[in-house]
Amino acid sequence: MSWVCLMILMTSAATADSPLPYAGQESREIKALSQQEVSELLKGQGMGFAKAAELNGYPGPAHVLELALQLTLSREQLSRTEALFQEMQEDAVRVGSELVEAERQLDQRFSAHSVTSASLRLSLARIAELRAELRRVHLEAHLEQYRLLSEAQVEAYRALRGYAASNAHSSGTHRHH
């Protein structure tokens, strides 16, 4: 278990027993998002949006670039992965920024006591749409990255990332560079 997961579990356990689990959060600029979440959304970071792909054998371009030497990427694979990462990053930053703004607007409506049931439904629908779009951006990048790698590279990636080989599933339709 990673250090971050352990800290989240410890924090969750501590706040679950606390009669004041939100104390101090009222000073946040956007109440529903921590500063770390805002920062990650604005930077286009993954935030676990692609776990369904990552943990089922579909590598992500950011991590493939980090492991490029160990995966012995060809020049073409490296170039295509860099382009894929750049496109994913640009899209994720754009959508993440829109999501932060949508959360900010919702927070401002509540702060001004101007929220209505109708405006709430619209705000939540937009936020849900943006979260789904952000997740799609990250998952699509994993799909494309998978197509760029050989089976051996995918298996090496999984091993380098510490994933159990028994969880790997091959569809038999894998496209190689």
C-alpha atoms as a PDB file:
ATOM      1  CA  MET A   1       0.000   0.000   0.000  1.00  0.00           C
ATOM      2  CA  SER A   2       1.406   3.358  -0.935  1.00  0.00           C
ATOM      3  CA  TRP A   3       2.165   6.054   1.588  1.00  0.00           C
ATOM      4  CA  VAL A   4      -0.543   8.300   0.096  1.00  0.00           C
ATOM      5  CA  CYS A   5      -3.196   5.569   0.415  1.00  0.00           C
ATOM      6  CA  LEU A   6      -2.133   4.910   3.984  1.00  0.00           C
ATOM      7  CA  MET A   7      -2.428   8.610   4.842  1.00  0.00           C
ATOM      8  CA  ILE A   8      -5.892   8.791   3.247  1.00  0.00           C
ATOM      9  CA  LEU A   9      -7.041   5.757   5.224  1.00  0.00           C
ATOM     10  CA  MET A  10      -5.643   7.181   8.453  1.00  0.00           C
ATOM     11  CA  THR A  11      -7.240  10.577   7.777  1.00  0.00           C
ATOM     12  CA  SER A  12     -10.549   8.937   6.862  1.00  0.00           C
ATOM     13  CA  ALA A  13     -10.513   6.873  10.041  1.00  0.00           C
ATOM     14  CA  ALA A  14      -9.679   9.915  12.164  1.00  0.00           C
ATOM     15  CA  THR A  15     -12.375  12.093  10.618  1.00  0.00           C
ATOM     16  CA  ALA A  16     -14.973   9.314  10.727  1.00  0.00           C
ATOM     17  CA  ASP A  17     -14.777   9.373  14.527  1.00  0.00           C
ATOM     18  CA  SER A  18     -14.627  13.150  14.726  1.00  0.00           C
ATOM     19  CA  PRO A  19     -17.843  15.053  15.421  1.00  0.00           C
ATOM     20  CA  LEU A  20     -16.415  17.867  13.243  1.00  0.00           C
ATOM     21  CA  PRO A  21     -15.182  16.154  10.053  1.00  0.00           C
ATOM     22  CA  TYR A  22     -15.381  19.320   7.905  1.00  0.00           C
ATOM     23  CA  ALA A  23     -13.911  21.745  10.459  1.00  0.00           C
ATOM     24  CA  GLY A  24     -11.472  24.064   8.719  1.00  0.00           C
ATOM     25  CA  GLN A  25     -12.755  23.293   5.235  1.00  0.00           C
ATOM     26  CA  GLU A  26     -15.153  26.238   5.312  1.00  0.00           C
ATOM     27  CA  SER A  27     -12.211  28.506   4.457  1.00  0.00           C
ATOM     28  CA  ARG A  28     -11.522  26.711   1.169  1.00  0.00           C
ATOM     29  CA  GLU A  29     -11.990  28.775  -1.957  1.00  0.00           C
ATOM     30  CA  ILE A  30     -14.064  25.939  -3.401  1.00  0.00           C
ATOM     31  CA  LYS A  31     -15.569  23.982  -0.542  1.00  0.00           C
ATOM     32  CA  ALA A  32     -16.001  20.698  -2.449  1.00  0.00           C
ATOM     33  CA  LEU A  33     -12.364  20.571  -3.619  1.00  0.00           C
ATOM     34  CA  SER A  34      -9.134  20.601  -1.647  1.00  0.00           C
ATOM     35  CA  GLN A  35      -6.318  22.822  -2.890  1.00  0.00           C
ATOM     36  CA  GLN A  36      -4.482  19.662  -3.942  1.00  0.00           C
ATOM     37  CA  GLU A  37      -7.466  18.514  -6.020  1.00  0.00           C
ATOM     38  CA  VAL A  38      -7.740  21.945  -7.656  1.00  0.00           C
ATOM     39  CA  SER A  39      -4.022  21.904  -8.439  1.00  0.00           C
ATOM     40  CA  GLU A  40      -4.162  18.394  -9.920  1.00  0.00           C
ATOM     41  CA  LEU A  41      -7.204  19.247 -12.045  1.00  0.00           C
ATOM     42  CA  LEU A  42      -5.576  22.422 -13.373  1.00  0.00           C
ATOM     43  CA  LYS A  43      -2.371  20.518 -14.212  1.00  0.00           C
ATOM     44  CA  GLY A  44      -4.244  17.733 -16.033  1.00  0.00           C
ATOM     45  CA  GLN A  45      -3.039  15.024 -13.667  1.00  0.00           C
ATOM     46  CA  GLY A  46      -4.658  11.598 -13.701  1.00  0.00           C
ATOM     47  CA  MET A  47      -6.121  11.592 -10.172  1.00  0.00           C
ATOM     48  CA  GLY A  48      -6.998   7.908 -10.548  1.00  0.00           C
ATOM     49  CA  PHE A  49      -9.434   8.554 -13.404  1.00  0.00           C
ATOM     50  CA  ALA A  50      -7.827   5.806 -15.488  1.00  0.00           C
ATOM     51  CA  LYS A  51      -7.479   3.066 -12.861  1.00  0.00           C
ATOM     52  CA  ALA A  52      -9.871   0.798 -14.762  1.00  0.00           C
ATOM     53  CA  ALA A  53      -7.431   0.832 -17.673  1.00  0.00           C
ATOM     54  CA  GLU A  54      -4.148   1.014 -15.758  1.00  0.00           C
ATOM     55  CA  LEU A  55      -4.888  -1.894 -13.452  1.00  0.00           C
ATOM     56  CA  ASN A  56      -6.248  -4.074 -16.255  1.00  0.00           C
ATOM     57  CA  GLY A  57      -3.151  -3.953 -18.451  1.00  0.00           C
ATOM     58  CA  TYR A  58      -3.590  -0.722 -20.406  1.00  0.00           C
ATOM     59  CA  PRO A  59      -0.498   1.433 -19.804  1.00  0.00           C
ATOM     60  CA  GLY A  60      -0.726   5.198 -19.568  1.00  0.00           C
ATOM     61  CA  PRO A  61       1.449   7.470 -21.690  1.00  0.00           C
ATOM     62  CA  ALA A  62       2.897   9.422 -18.743  1.00  0.00           C
ATOM     63  CA  HIS A  63       4.224   6.267 -17.121  1.00  0.00           C
ATOM     64  CA  VAL A  64       5.332   4.776 -20.442  1.00  0.00           C
ATOM     65  CA  LEU A  65       7.445   7.889 -21.013  1.00  0.00           C
ATOM     66  CA  GLU A  66       8.919   7.531 -17.514  1.00  0.00           C
ATOM     67  CA  LEU A  67       9.821   3.913 -18.319  1.00  0.00           C
ATOM     68  CA  ALA A  68      10.802   4.456 -21.974  1.00  0.00           C
ATOM     69  CA  LEU A  69      14.337   3.096 -21.576  1.00  0.00           C
ATOM     70  CA  GLN A  70      13.271  -0.003 -19.635  1.00  0.00           C
ATOM     71  CA  LEU A  71      10.523  -0.684 -22.188  1.00  0.00           C
ATOM     72  CA  THR A  72      12.983  -0.211 -25.074  1.00  0.00           C
ATOM     73  CA  LEU A  73      10.582   1.976 -27.028  1.00  0.00           C
ATOM     74  CA  SER A  74      11.395   2.428 -30.684  1.00  0.00           C
ATOM     75  CA  ARG A  75      11.828   5.985 -31.969  1.00  0.00           C
ATOM     76  CA  GLU A  76       8.372   5.778 -33.539  1.00  0.00           C
ATOM     77  CA  GLN A  77       6.815   4.504 -30.318  1.00  0.00           C
ATOM     78  CA  LEU A  78       8.529   7.251 -28.334  1.00  0.00           C
ATOM     79  CA  SER A  79       7.413   9.938 -30.762  1.00  0.00           C
ATOM     80  CA  ARG A  80       3.822   8.692 -30.853  1.00  0.00           C
ATOM     81  CA  THR A  81       3.720   8.327 -27.060  1.00  0.00           C
ATOM     82  CA  GLU A  82       5.021  11.871 -26.601  1.00  0.00           C
ATOM     83  CA  ALA A  83       2.333  13.178 -28.980  1.00  0.00           C
ATOM     84  CA  LEU A  84      -0.339  11.114 -27.234  1.00  0.00           C
ATOM     85  CA  PHE A  85       0.736  12.429 -23.844  1.00  0.00           C
ATOM     86  CA  GLN A  86       0.762  16.016 -25.096  1.00  0.00           C
ATOM     87  CA  GLU A  87      -2.743  15.694 -26.542  1.00  0.00           C
ATOM     88  CA  MET A  88      -4.055  14.008 -23.387  1.00  0.00           C
ATOM     89  CA  GLN A  89      -2.419  16.649 -21.215  1.00  0.00           C
ATOM     90  CA  GLU A  90      -3.880  19.542 -23.193  1.00  0.00           C
ATOM     91  CA  ASP A  91      -7.359  18.031 -23.130  1.00  0.00           C
ATOM     92  CA  ALA A  92      -7.125  17.167 -19.428  1.00  0.00           C
ATOM     93  CA  VAL A  93      -5.983  20.689 -18.515  1.00  0.00           C
ATOM     94  CA  ARG A  94      -8.815  22.210 -20.539  1.00  0.00           C
ATOM     95  CA  VAL A  95     -11.509  19.954 -19.062  1.00  0.00           C
ATOM     96  CA  GLY A  96     -10.001  20.113 -15.582  1.00  0.00           C
ATOM     97  CA  SER A  97     -10.094  23.914 -15.716  1.00  0.00           C
ATOM     98  CA  GLU A  98     -13.734  23.826 -16.788  1.00  0.00           C
ATOM     99  CA  LEU A  99     -14.505  21.434 -13.932  1.00  0.00           C
ATOM    100  CA  VAL A 100     -12.837  23.670 -11.352  1.00  0.00           C
ATOM    101  CA  GLU A 101     -14.806  26.634 -12.690  1.00  0.00           C
ATOM    102  CA  ALA A 102     -18.087  24.695 -12.569  1.00  0.00           C
ATOM    103  CA  GLU A 103     -17.388  23.718  -8.941  1.00  0.00           C
ATOM    104  CA  ARG A 104     -16.458  27.337  -8.177  1.00  0.00           C
ATOM    105  CA  GLN A 105     -19.759  28.572  -9.629  1.00  0.00           C
ATOM    106  CA  LEU A 106     -21.745  26.048  -7.612  1.00  0.00           C
ATOM    107  CA  ASP A 107     -19.889  27.063  -4.462  1.00  0.00           C
ATOM    108  CA  GLN A 108     -20.539  30.745  -5.192  1.00  0.00           C
ATOM    109  CA  ARG A 109     -24.268  30.107  -5.654  1.00  0.00           C
ATOM    110  CA  PHE A 110     -24.427  28.426  -2.273  1.00  0.00           C
ATOM    111  CA  SER A 111     -22.313  31.161  -0.697  1.00  0.00           C
ATOM    112  CA  ALA A 112     -24.668  33.836  -2.076  1.00  0.00           C
ATOM    113  CA  HIS A 113     -27.714  31.792  -1.048  1.00  0.00           C
ATOM    114  CA  SER A 114     -28.911  32.064  -4.649  1.00  0.00           C
ATOM    115  CA  VAL A 115     -29.000  28.366  -5.518  1.00  0.00           C
ATOM    116  CA  THR A 116     -32.343  26.904  -6.537  1.00  0.00           C
ATOM    117  CA  SER A 117     -33.368  23.324  -7.241  1.00  0.00           C
ATOM    118  CA  ALA A 118     -33.284  24.073 -10.961  1.00  0.00           C
ATOM    119  CA  SER A 119     -29.851  25.747 -10.877  1.00  0.00           C
ATOM    120  CA  LEU A 120     -28.560  22.941  -8.668  1.00  0.00           C
ATOM    121  CA  ARG A 121     -29.672  20.277 -11.164  1.00  0.00           C
ATOM    122  CA  LEU A 122     -28.015  22.184 -14.017  1.00  0.00           C
ATOM    123  CA  SER A 123     -24.784  22.692 -12.076  1.00  0.00           C
ATOM    124  CA  LEU A 124     -24.580  19.058 -11.038  1.00  0.00           C
ATOM    125  CA  ALA A 125     -25.327  17.839 -14.553  1.00  0.00           C
ATOM    126  CA  ARG A 126     -22.486  20.020 -15.895  1.00  0.00           C
ATOM    127  CA  ILE A 127     -20.085  18.860 -13.182  1.00  0.00           C
ATOM    128  CA  ALA A 128     -20.955  15.205 -13.871  1.00  0.00           C
ATOM    129  CA  GLU A 129     -20.507  15.763 -17.610  1.00  0.00           C
ATOM    130  CA  LEU A 130     -17.092  17.327 -17.079  1.00  0.00           C
ATOM    131  CA  ARG A 131     -15.948  14.570 -14.693  1.00  0.00           C
ATOM    132  CA  ALA A 132     -17.011  11.957 -17.246  1.00  0.00           C
ATOM    133  CA  GLU A 133     -15.224  13.832 -20.039  1.00  0.00           C
ATOM    134  CA  LEU A 134     -12.058  14.107 -17.965  1.00  0.00           C
ATOM    135  CA  ARG A 135     -12.158  10.406 -17.214  1.00  0.00           C
ATOM    136  CA  ARG A 136     -12.729   9.651 -20.915  1.00  0.00           C
ATOM    137  CA  VAL A 137      -9.687  11.749 -21.856  1.00  0.00           C
ATOM    138  CA  HIS A 138      -7.468   9.699 -19.563  1.00  0.00           C
ATOM    139  CA  LEU A 139      -8.989   6.324 -20.456  1.00  0.00           C
ATOM    140  CA  GLU A 140      -8.794   6.975 -24.214  1.00  0.00           C
ATOM    141  CA  ALA A 141      -5.095   7.770 -23.831  1.00  0.00           C
ATOM    142  CA  HIS A 142      -4.581   4.387 -22.153  1.00  0.00           C
ATOM    143  CA  LEU A 143      -6.436   2.654 -24.988  1.00  0.00           C
ATOM    144  CA  GLU A 144      -4.268   4.333 -27.599  1.00  0.00           C
ATOM    145  CA  GLN A 145      -1.071   3.687 -25.631  1.00  0.00           C
ATOM    146  CA  TYR A 146      -1.922  -0.013 -25.420  1.00  0.00           C
ATOM    147  CA  ARG A 147      -2.153  -0.153 -29.216  1.00  0.00           C
ATOM    148  CA  LEU A 148       1.326   1.367 -29.527  1.00  0.00           C
ATOM    149  CA  LEU A 149       3.087  -1.294 -27.448  1.00  0.00           C
ATOM    150  CA  SER A 150       3.929  -4.933 -28.027  1.00  0.00           C
ATOM    151  CA  GLU A 151       2.634  -7.620 -25.674  1.00  0.00           C
ATOM    152  CA  ALA A 152       6.146  -7.968 -24.250  1.00  0.00           C
ATOM    153  CA  GLN A 153       6.298  -4.230 -23.553  1.00  0.00           C
ATOM    154  CA  VAL A 154       2.879  -4.298 -21.871  1.00  0.00           C
ATOM    155  CA  GLU A 155       4.004  -7.189 -19.661  1.00  0.00           C
ATOM    156  CA  ALA A 156       7.272  -5.401 -18.864  1.00  0.00           C
ATOM    157  CA  TYR A 157       5.303  -2.252 -18.017  1.00  0.00           C
ATOM    158  CA  ARG A 158       3.051  -4.191 -15.648  1.00  0.00           C
ATOM    159  CA  ALA A 159       6.060  -5.747 -13.935  1.00  0.00           C
ATOM    160  CA  LEU A 160       7.869  -2.399 -13.654  1.00  0.00           C
ATOM    161  CA  ARG A 161       4.729  -0.833 -12.149  1.00  0.00           C
ATOM    162  CA  GLY A 162       4.436  -3.702  -9.646  1.00  0.00           C
ATOM    163  CA  TYR A 163       1.212  -5.221 -10.940  1.00  0.00           C
ATOM    164  CA  ALA A 164       0.509  -8.922 -10.604  1.00  0.00           C
ATOM    165  CA  ALA A 165       0.865 -10.809 -13.881  1.00  0.00           C
ATOM    166  CA  SER A 166      -2.239 -12.892 -13.117  1.00  0.00           C
ATOM    167  CA  ASN A 167      -4.447  -9.803 -13.569  1.00  0.00           C
ATOM    168  CA  ALA A 168      -3.331  -9.221 -17.144  1.00  0.00           C
ATOM    169  CA  HIS A 169      -5.995  -9.890 -19.732  1.00  0.00           C
ATOM    170  CA  SER A 170      -5.231 -10.080 -23.416  1.00  0.00           C
ATOM    171  CA  SER A 171      -8.082  -9.684 -25.844  1.00  0.00           C
ATOM    172  CA  GLY A 172      -6.136 -11.081 -28.739  1.00  0.00           C
ATOM    173  CA  THR A 173      -6.876  -7.920 -30.727  1.00  0.00           C
ATOM    174  CA  HIS A 174      -3.799  -6.006 -29.607  1.00  0.00           C
ATOM    175  CA  ARG A 175      -2.368  -3.712 -32.325  1.00  0.00           C
ATOM    176  CA  HIS A 176       1.380  -3.294 -32.309  1.00  0.00           C
ATOM    177  CA  HIS A 177       3.297  -0.278 -33.532  1.00  0.00           C
END
